[in-house]
Amino acid sequence: MVPLLQNEAKHVYQQSIDLGNGLAAYQLGMLVEKQLRLDEAEAAYWQGVALDNGRAAHGLGLMLEKQKRLDEAEQFYRKAVDLNDGIAAVKLGKLLERQNRLEEAEQAYQRGIELNVGWAGRRYKRMNKTPGQNNLR
């Protein structure tokens, strides 16, 4: 995106956020994260979380996970799931699975299934192919 258009987009997103639009906060977070302006991205996602936007919580979780801030990432994935973001449920399941927290991972995948994320079921089935064995690695 051309820098002038990026600045205009940021301005429009911020106006929308000021009016209570949490999705605009998520979109602003994505825009500035792509520019590697991570402090600004985190602040934008936080604005969306404050407005109870699941996508913003999910976006913040993704960004924090990339930074290896796993406890914080888990917190925001859980917030996103509470706000009915099914893809965040799967991301949470993967995060928990990598930490060998398999019962919690299974619950996260089940929640993803409830929220109609089709591939959550595939992850869940692969995880449970052999009792007591994690088959995803």
Protein backbone atom coordinates (compact mmCIF):
# COMPACT_ATOMS: atom_id res chain seq x y z
CA MET A 1 0.00 0.00 0.00
CA VAL A 2 1.30 3.45 -0.89
CA PRO A 3 2.45 5.35 2.26
CA LEU A 4 -0.02 8.18 1.67
CA LEU A 5 -2.89 5.70 1.43
CA GLN A 6 -1.60 3.90 4.54
CA ASN A 7 -1.71 7.14 6.50
CA GLU A 8 -5.23 7.84 5.28
CA ALA A 9 -6.31 4.30 6.16
CA LYS A 10 -4.81 4.66 9.64
CA HIS A 11 -6.71 7.90 10.12
CA VAL A 12 -10.02 6.37 8.99
CA TYR A 13 -9.49 3.28 11.16
CA GLN A 14 -8.74 5.44 14.19
CA GLN A 15 -11.88 7.54 13.64
CA SER A 16 -13.90 4.35 13.46
CA ILE A 17 -12.25 2.99 16.62
CA ASP A 18 -13.10 6.23 18.40
CA LEU A 19 -16.73 5.53 17.51
CA GLY A 20 -16.52 2.08 19.11
CA ASN A 21 -15.67 -0.13 16.13
CA GLY A 22 -13.48 -2.97 17.43
CA LEU A 23 -13.09 -4.52 13.98
CA ALA A 24 -11.39 -1.31 12.82
CA ALA A 25 -8.89 -1.76 15.66
CA TYR A 26 -8.11 -5.26 14.38
CA GLN A 27 -7.67 -3.93 10.84
CA LEU A 28 -5.42 -1.11 12.04
CA GLY A 29 -3.39 -3.61 14.06
CA MET A 30 -2.89 -5.78 10.99
CA LEU A 31 -1.91 -2.78 8.86
CA VAL A 32 0.78 -1.51 11.21
CA GLU A 33 1.98 -5.03 12.12
CA LYS A 34 2.73 -5.62 8.42
CA GLN A 35 4.87 -2.48 8.59
CA LEU A 36 6.70 -4.06 11.57
CA ARG A 37 5.50 -1.27 13.82
CA LEU A 38 4.80 -3.76 16.58
CA ASP A 39 4.23 -1.32 19.44
CA GLU A 40 1.56 0.45 17.38
CA ALA A 41 0.06 -2.87 16.34
CA GLU A 42 -0.15 -4.07 19.93
CA ALA A 43 -1.80 -0.80 20.97
CA ALA A 44 -4.36 -1.08 18.16
CA TYR A 45 -5.17 -4.69 19.03
CA TRP A 46 -5.55 -3.67 22.68
CA GLN A 47 -8.10 -1.05 21.63
CA GLY A 48 -10.08 -3.76 19.87
CA VAL A 49 -9.89 -6.08 22.87
CA ALA A 50 -11.21 -3.25 25.05
CA LEU A 51 -14.15 -3.07 22.62
CA ASP A 52 -14.70 -6.86 22.98
CA ASN A 53 -13.68 -7.69 19.44
CA GLY A 54 -12.66 -11.34 19.08
CA ARG A 55 -10.59 -10.78 15.97
CA ALA A 56 -8.53 -8.14 17.75
CA ALA A 57 -7.91 -10.53 20.65
CA HIS A 58 -6.98 -13.24 18.15
CA GLY A 59 -4.65 -10.87 16.26
CA LEU A 60 -2.95 -9.85 19.50
CA GLY A 61 -2.56 -13.52 20.43
CA LEU A 62 -0.94 -14.28 17.07
CA MET A 63 1.45 -11.36 17.35
CA LEU A 64 2.44 -12.29 20.90
CA GLU A 65 2.96 -15.93 19.94
CA LYS A 66 5.32 -14.85 17.13
CA GLN A 67 7.27 -12.92 19.78
CA LYS A 68 7.41 -16.07 21.99
CA ARG A 69 5.28 -14.35 24.64
CA LEU A 70 3.32 -17.56 25.02
CA ASP A 71 1.54 -16.93 28.34
CA GLU A 72 0.21 -13.65 27.02
CA ALA A 73 -0.70 -15.22 23.67
CA GLU A 74 -2.69 -17.89 25.48
CA GLN A 75 -4.57 -15.24 27.46
CA PHE A 76 -5.66 -13.43 24.29
CA TYR A 77 -6.53 -16.59 22.40
CA ARG A 78 -8.77 -17.51 25.33
CA LYS A 79 -10.36 -14.06 25.24
CA ALA A 80 -10.98 -14.45 21.50
CA VAL A 81 -12.56 -17.87 22.07
CA ASP A 82 -14.79 -16.35 24.76
CA LEU A 83 -15.88 -13.91 22.05
CA ASN A 84 -16.70 -16.87 19.74
CA ASP A 85 -13.66 -16.74 17.46
CA GLY A 86 -13.39 -20.36 16.34
CA ILE A 87 -10.05 -20.02 14.57
CA ALA A 88 -8.58 -18.70 17.82
CA ALA A 89 -9.83 -21.90 19.47
CA VAL A 90 -7.72 -23.94 17.06
CA LYS A 91 -4.70 -21.67 17.53
CA LEU A 92 -5.14 -22.05 21.29
CA GLY A 93 -5.31 -25.82 20.88
CA LYS A 94 -2.08 -25.86 18.88
CA LEU A 95 -0.33 -23.67 21.45
CA LEU A 96 -1.47 -25.89 24.33
CA GLU A 97 -0.55 -29.03 22.43
CA ARG A 98 3.01 -27.81 21.86
CA GLN A 99 3.21 -27.33 25.64
CA ASN A 100 2.00 -30.93 26.10
CA ARG A 101 -1.20 -29.69 27.78
CA LEU A 102 -3.21 -32.22 25.86
CA GLU A 103 -6.48 -32.22 27.80
CA GLU A 104 -6.71 -28.45 27.48
CA ALA A 105 -5.77 -28.67 23.80
CA GLU A 106 -8.54 -31.21 23.25
CA GLN A 107 -11.06 -28.86 24.89
CA ALA A 108 -9.89 -25.99 22.68
CA TYR A 109 -10.30 -28.11 19.54
CA GLN A 110 -13.75 -29.19 20.67
CA ARG A 111 -14.68 -25.52 21.10
CA GLY A 112 -13.40 -24.86 17.59
CA ILE A 113 -15.70 -27.62 16.34
CA GLU A 114 -18.62 -26.04 18.20
CA LEU A 115 -17.82 -22.75 16.49
CA ASN A 116 -17.91 -24.50 13.08
CA VAL A 117 -14.23 -24.43 12.24
CA GLY A 118 -14.08 -27.54 10.05
CA TRP A 119 -10.38 -28.19 10.36
CA ALA A 120 -10.64 -28.16 14.17
CA GLY A 121 -12.27 -31.55 13.85
CA ARG A 122 -9.39 -32.89 11.79
CA ARG A 123 -6.86 -31.69 14.40
CA TYR A 124 -8.96 -33.25 17.15
CA LYS A 125 -9.26 -36.58 15.32
CA ARG A 126 -5.54 -36.74 14.56
CA MET A 127 -4.75 -35.93 18.17
CA ASN A 128 -6.94 -38.79 19.37
CA LYS A 129 -6.14 -41.52 16.84
CA THR A 130 -4.30 -43.65 19.38
CA PRO A 131 -5.34 -43.41 23.05
CA GLY A 132 -2.63 -41.78 25.13
CA GLN A 133 -0.56 -40.80 22.09
CA ASN A 134 -0.26 -37.40 20.50
CA ASN A 135 -0.28 -37.99 16.74
CA LEU A 136 0.24 -34.42 15.54
CA ARG A 137 3.99 -34.23 15.70
